[in-house]
N, C-alpha and C. Protein backbone atom coordinates (compact mmCIF):
# COMPACT_ATOMS: atom_id res chain seq x y z
N UNK A 1 0.82 -1.20 0.00
CA UNK A 1 0.00 0.00 0.00
C UNK A 1 0.86 1.26 0.00
N UNK A 2 1.98 1.19 0.73
CA UNK A 2 2.88 2.35 0.78
C UNK A 2 3.45 2.64 -0.60
N UNK A 3 3.76 1.62 -1.35
CA UNK A 3 4.30 1.79 -2.71
C UNK A 3 3.26 2.44 -3.63
N UNK A 4 2.00 2.05 -3.49
CA UNK A 4 0.93 2.65 -4.31
C UNK A 4 0.79 4.13 -3.96
N UNK A 5 0.80 4.44 -2.66
CA UNK A 5 0.68 5.83 -2.23
C UNK A 5 1.85 6.66 -2.76
N UNK A 6 3.07 6.14 -2.67
CA UNK A 6 4.24 6.86 -3.16
C UNK A 6 4.13 7.11 -4.66
N UNK A 7 3.65 6.13 -5.41
CA UNK A 7 3.47 6.31 -6.85
C UNK A 7 2.45 7.40 -7.14
N UNK A 8 1.34 7.41 -6.41
CA UNK A 8 0.33 8.46 -6.59
C UNK A 8 0.88 9.84 -6.25
N UNK A 9 1.67 9.92 -5.17
CA UNK A 9 2.26 11.21 -4.78
C UNK A 9 3.23 11.70 -5.85
N UNK A 10 4.05 10.81 -6.35
CA UNK A 10 5.03 11.20 -7.37
C UNK A 10 4.37 11.64 -8.68
N UNK A 11 3.32 10.98 -9.07
CA UNK A 11 2.71 11.22 -10.37
C UNK A 11 1.43 12.03 -10.30
N UNK A 12 1.16 12.69 -9.17
CA UNK A 12 -0.07 13.48 -9.04
C UNK A 12 -0.15 14.60 -10.06
N UNK A 13 0.97 15.21 -10.36
CA UNK A 13 0.99 16.30 -11.34
C UNK A 13 0.55 15.78 -12.71
N UNK A 14 1.09 14.64 -13.10
CA UNK A 14 0.75 14.08 -14.40
C UNK A 14 -0.72 13.68 -14.46
N UNK A 15 -1.24 13.14 -13.38
CA UNK A 15 -2.65 12.75 -13.35
C UNK A 15 -3.57 13.96 -13.49
N UNK A 16 -3.25 15.04 -12.77
CA UNK A 16 -4.06 16.26 -12.87
C UNK A 16 -3.92 16.88 -14.26
N UNK A 17 -2.72 16.88 -14.81
CA UNK A 17 -2.51 17.42 -16.15
C UNK A 17 -3.28 16.61 -17.19
N UNK A 18 -3.32 15.30 -17.04
CA UNK A 18 -4.07 14.47 -17.96
C UNK A 18 -5.56 14.81 -17.89
N UNK A 19 -6.08 14.97 -16.68
CA UNK A 19 -7.48 15.33 -16.50
C UNK A 19 -7.77 16.69 -17.14
N UNK A 20 -6.90 17.68 -16.90
CA UNK A 20 -7.10 19.01 -17.48
C UNK A 20 -7.01 18.96 -19.00
N UNK A 21 -6.11 18.15 -19.51
CA UNK A 21 -5.97 18.03 -20.96
C UNK A 21 -7.23 17.43 -21.58
N UNK A 22 -7.80 16.47 -20.91
CA UNK A 22 -9.04 15.89 -21.41
C UNK A 22 -10.15 16.93 -21.44
N UNK A 23 -10.19 17.79 -20.44
CA UNK A 23 -11.20 18.84 -20.43
C UNK A 23 -10.99 19.85 -21.55
N UNK A 24 -9.72 20.09 -21.90
CA UNK A 24 -9.42 21.07 -22.94
C UNK A 24 -9.62 20.46 -24.33
N UNK A 25 -9.07 19.26 -24.53
CA UNK A 25 -9.04 18.65 -25.86
C UNK A 25 -10.39 18.05 -26.25
N UNK A 26 -11.13 17.59 -25.29
CA UNK A 26 -12.38 16.91 -25.60
C UNK A 26 -13.58 17.68 -25.04
N UNK A 27 -13.91 18.84 -25.60
CA UNK A 27 -15.03 19.61 -25.04
C UNK A 27 -16.37 18.90 -25.16
N UNK A 28 -16.50 18.01 -26.15
CA UNK A 28 -17.76 17.28 -26.26
C UNK A 28 -17.96 16.32 -25.09
N UNK A 29 -16.88 16.02 -24.38
CA UNK A 29 -16.99 15.17 -23.19
C UNK A 29 -17.88 15.83 -22.14
N UNK A 30 -17.85 17.16 -22.07
CA UNK A 30 -18.66 17.88 -21.09
C UNK A 30 -20.15 17.74 -21.36
N UNK A 31 -20.53 17.44 -22.57
CA UNK A 31 -21.94 17.28 -22.90
C UNK A 31 -22.40 15.83 -22.82
N UNK A 32 -21.50 14.95 -22.44
CA UNK A 32 -21.87 13.54 -22.31
C UNK A 32 -22.83 13.37 -21.13
N UNK A 33 -23.82 12.53 -21.26
CA UNK A 33 -24.78 12.33 -20.17
C UNK A 33 -24.13 11.86 -18.87
N UNK A 34 -23.03 11.09 -18.97
CA UNK A 34 -22.35 10.61 -17.76
C UNK A 34 -21.75 11.77 -16.98
N UNK A 35 -21.15 12.73 -17.68
CA UNK A 35 -20.54 13.87 -17.01
C UNK A 35 -21.62 14.81 -16.50
N UNK A 36 -22.67 15.01 -17.28
CA UNK A 36 -23.76 15.88 -16.85
C UNK A 36 -24.43 15.35 -15.59
N UNK A 37 -24.42 14.03 -15.43
CA UNK A 37 -25.01 13.44 -14.23
C UNK A 37 -24.17 13.72 -13.00
N UNK A 38 -22.87 13.89 -13.18
CA UNK A 38 -21.96 14.13 -12.05
C UNK A 38 -21.76 15.62 -11.80
N UNK A 39 -21.50 16.38 -12.86
CA UNK A 39 -21.22 17.81 -12.74
C UNK A 39 -22.37 18.59 -13.39
N UNK A 40 -23.16 19.31 -12.60
CA UNK A 40 -24.24 20.10 -13.18
C UNK A 40 -23.70 21.15 -14.17
N UNK A 41 -24.51 21.51 -15.15
CA UNK A 41 -24.11 22.42 -16.22
C UNK A 41 -23.59 23.74 -15.66
N UNK A 42 -24.24 24.28 -14.64
CA UNK A 42 -23.84 25.59 -14.11
C UNK A 42 -22.49 25.55 -13.40
N UNK A 43 -22.00 24.37 -13.02
CA UNK A 43 -20.71 24.26 -12.34
C UNK A 43 -19.59 23.77 -13.25
N UNK A 44 -19.89 23.38 -14.48
CA UNK A 44 -18.88 22.83 -15.37
C UNK A 44 -17.76 23.82 -15.66
N UNK A 45 -18.10 25.10 -15.85
CA UNK A 45 -17.05 26.08 -16.13
C UNK A 45 -16.11 26.25 -14.94
N UNK A 46 -16.64 26.10 -13.72
CA UNK A 46 -15.79 26.22 -12.54
C UNK A 46 -14.86 25.01 -12.40
N UNK A 47 -15.35 23.85 -12.75
CA UNK A 47 -14.50 22.66 -12.74
C UNK A 47 -13.40 22.80 -13.77
N UNK A 48 -13.73 23.34 -14.93
CA UNK A 48 -12.75 23.56 -15.99
C UNK A 48 -11.67 24.54 -15.54
N UNK A 49 -12.07 25.65 -14.94
CA UNK A 49 -11.10 26.66 -14.45
C UNK A 49 -10.26 26.08 -13.32
N UNK A 50 -10.87 25.32 -12.42
CA UNK A 50 -10.11 24.71 -11.32
C UNK A 50 -9.06 23.74 -11.85
N UNK A 51 -9.41 22.97 -12.87
CA UNK A 51 -8.45 22.04 -13.46
C UNK A 51 -7.28 22.79 -14.10
N UNK A 52 -7.57 23.90 -14.76
CA UNK A 52 -6.49 24.70 -15.35
C UNK A 52 -5.59 25.31 -14.28
N UNK A 53 -6.18 25.83 -13.22
CA UNK A 53 -5.38 26.42 -12.14
C UNK A 53 -4.51 25.37 -11.46
N UNK A 54 -5.06 24.20 -11.23
CA UNK A 54 -4.25 23.12 -10.66
C UNK A 54 -3.10 22.75 -11.59
N UNK A 55 -3.37 22.75 -12.87
CA UNK A 55 -2.34 22.45 -13.85
C UNK A 55 -1.21 23.48 -13.79
N UNK A 56 -1.56 24.74 -13.64
CA UNK A 56 -0.56 25.81 -13.58
C UNK A 56 0.23 25.74 -12.29
N UNK A 57 -0.43 25.46 -11.18
CA UNK A 57 0.22 25.49 -9.87
C UNK A 57 1.11 24.28 -9.60
N UNK A 58 0.88 23.19 -10.27
CA UNK A 58 1.65 21.98 -10.01
C UNK A 58 2.86 21.89 -10.93
N UNK A 59 3.90 21.22 -10.43
CA UNK A 59 5.12 21.09 -11.21
C UNK A 59 4.94 20.09 -12.34
N UNK A 60 5.56 20.35 -13.50
CA UNK A 60 5.43 19.43 -14.64
C UNK A 60 6.44 18.28 -14.60
N UNK A 61 6.74 17.76 -13.42
CA UNK A 61 7.64 16.61 -13.30
C UNK A 61 7.21 15.79 -12.10
N UNK A 62 7.74 14.62 -12.00
CA UNK A 62 7.39 13.77 -10.86
C UNK A 62 7.83 14.45 -9.57
N UNK A 63 7.00 14.41 -8.58
CA UNK A 63 7.28 15.09 -7.32
C UNK A 63 8.34 14.35 -6.52
N UNK A 64 9.08 15.09 -5.73
CA UNK A 64 10.08 14.51 -4.84
C UNK A 64 9.40 14.16 -3.51
N UNK A 65 9.82 13.07 -2.92
CA UNK A 65 9.31 12.67 -1.61
C UNK A 65 10.45 12.72 -0.61
N UNK A 66 10.12 12.63 0.68
CA UNK A 66 11.11 12.87 1.73
C UNK A 66 12.31 11.92 1.70
N UNK A 67 12.19 10.76 1.07
CA UNK A 67 13.31 9.82 1.01
C UNK A 67 14.26 10.09 -0.15
N UNK A 68 13.94 11.00 -1.04
CA UNK A 68 14.80 11.31 -2.17
C UNK A 68 16.04 12.08 -1.72
N UNK A 69 17.18 11.81 -2.36
CA UNK A 69 18.41 12.52 -1.99
C UNK A 69 18.29 14.04 -2.12
N UNK A 70 17.59 14.54 -3.14
CA UNK A 70 17.48 15.99 -3.31
C UNK A 70 16.77 16.64 -2.13
N UNK A 71 15.78 15.96 -1.57
CA UNK A 71 15.07 16.50 -0.41
C UNK A 71 15.94 16.41 0.83
N UNK A 72 16.66 15.33 1.00
CA UNK A 72 17.54 15.18 2.16
C UNK A 72 18.65 16.23 2.15
N UNK A 73 19.22 16.49 0.98
CA UNK A 73 20.27 17.52 0.88
C UNK A 73 19.68 18.89 1.16
N UNK A 74 18.51 19.19 0.62
CA UNK A 74 17.87 20.48 0.85
C UNK A 74 17.60 20.69 2.34
N UNK A 75 17.12 19.66 3.02
CA UNK A 75 16.83 19.76 4.46
C UNK A 75 18.12 19.93 5.26
N UNK A 76 19.18 19.23 4.86
CA UNK A 76 20.46 19.35 5.56
C UNK A 76 21.04 20.75 5.38
N UNK A 77 20.91 21.32 4.20
CA UNK A 77 21.40 22.69 3.96
C UNK A 77 20.60 23.68 4.79
N UNK A 78 19.28 23.49 4.84
CA UNK A 78 18.41 24.38 5.62
C UNK A 78 18.75 24.33 7.11
N UNK A 79 19.07 23.14 7.61
CA UNK A 79 19.32 22.95 9.04
C UNK A 79 20.70 23.42 9.47
N UNK A 80 21.62 23.55 8.54
CA UNK A 80 22.99 23.92 8.92
C UNK A 80 23.14 25.43 9.05
N UNK A 81 24.12 25.79 9.83
CA UNK A 81 24.45 27.21 10.00
C UNK A 81 25.77 27.48 9.27
N UNK A 82 25.80 28.54 8.52
CA UNK A 82 27.01 28.89 7.80
C UNK A 82 27.08 28.22 6.44
N UNK A 83 28.24 28.34 5.78
CA UNK A 83 28.38 27.76 4.44
C UNK A 83 28.36 26.24 4.47
N UNK A 84 27.86 25.66 3.38
CA UNK A 84 27.73 24.21 3.26
C UNK A 84 28.44 23.76 1.99
N UNK A 85 29.08 22.61 2.07
CA UNK A 85 29.75 22.01 0.91
C UNK A 85 29.21 20.60 0.74
N UNK A 86 28.58 20.35 -0.40
CA UNK A 86 28.01 19.03 -0.69
C UNK A 86 28.85 18.39 -1.77
N UNK A 87 29.35 17.18 -1.49
CA UNK A 87 30.18 16.45 -2.44
C UNK A 87 29.38 15.24 -2.93
N UNK A 88 29.25 15.13 -4.24
CA UNK A 88 28.54 14.00 -4.85
C UNK A 88 29.58 13.02 -5.37
N UNK A 89 29.53 11.80 -4.84
CA UNK A 89 30.49 10.78 -5.24
C UNK A 89 29.77 9.56 -5.80
N UNK A 90 30.40 8.94 -6.77
CA UNK A 90 29.87 7.69 -7.32
C UNK A 90 31.04 6.75 -7.52
N UNK A 91 30.98 5.60 -6.88
CA UNK A 91 32.03 4.59 -6.98
C UNK A 91 33.41 5.17 -6.64
N UNK A 92 33.45 6.01 -5.62
CA UNK A 92 34.72 6.57 -5.17
C UNK A 92 35.22 7.76 -5.98
N UNK A 93 34.52 8.14 -7.03
CA UNK A 93 34.91 9.26 -7.87
C UNK A 93 34.00 10.45 -7.59
N UNK A 94 34.60 11.62 -7.37
CA UNK A 94 33.82 12.82 -7.13
C UNK A 94 33.19 13.29 -8.44
N UNK A 95 31.86 13.39 -8.44
CA UNK A 95 31.13 13.81 -9.64
C UNK A 95 30.83 15.30 -9.62
N UNK A 96 30.58 15.85 -8.42
CA UNK A 96 30.24 17.27 -8.33
C UNK A 96 30.48 17.76 -6.91
N UNK A 97 30.78 19.05 -6.81
CA UNK A 97 30.90 19.72 -5.51
C UNK A 97 30.03 20.96 -5.57
N UNK A 98 29.09 21.04 -4.63
CA UNK A 98 28.17 22.17 -4.59
C UNK A 98 28.41 22.93 -3.30
N UNK A 99 28.60 24.23 -3.44
CA UNK A 99 28.78 25.10 -2.27
C UNK A 99 27.53 25.96 -2.13
N UNK A 100 26.92 25.90 -0.96
CA UNK A 100 25.69 26.68 -0.74
C UNK A 100 25.82 27.50 0.53
C-alpha cells in the first residue's frame, strides 16, 4: 500500500494534467450524459477553471518525496548554519561539488 501511495504522490501532477488536458481537448466530453449526471451544467465552467489552475500550480515533473536525496540535501542545507559544501560521489569518484 505504501508503494501505491508513493506512486500516486510522485505522479499526481501528471494525473491532474491528464485530466485538465481531457477537459481542454475533448469539449464534447462535457456534454456527455455521464458527465452531466456528475457535474451540473452551471458548475462545469468552474470545474474547468479549477483544473487549469491546478495544472498551472503543479510542477510538470514527478514530485520529490522525503526519502529522495534531493530532499535530504535540501533539508540538511536548511538545518545547517554557515556555508555548506556538498560532495557528490559515485564509486569513489567525485562527480560534483556544490557550495551553498
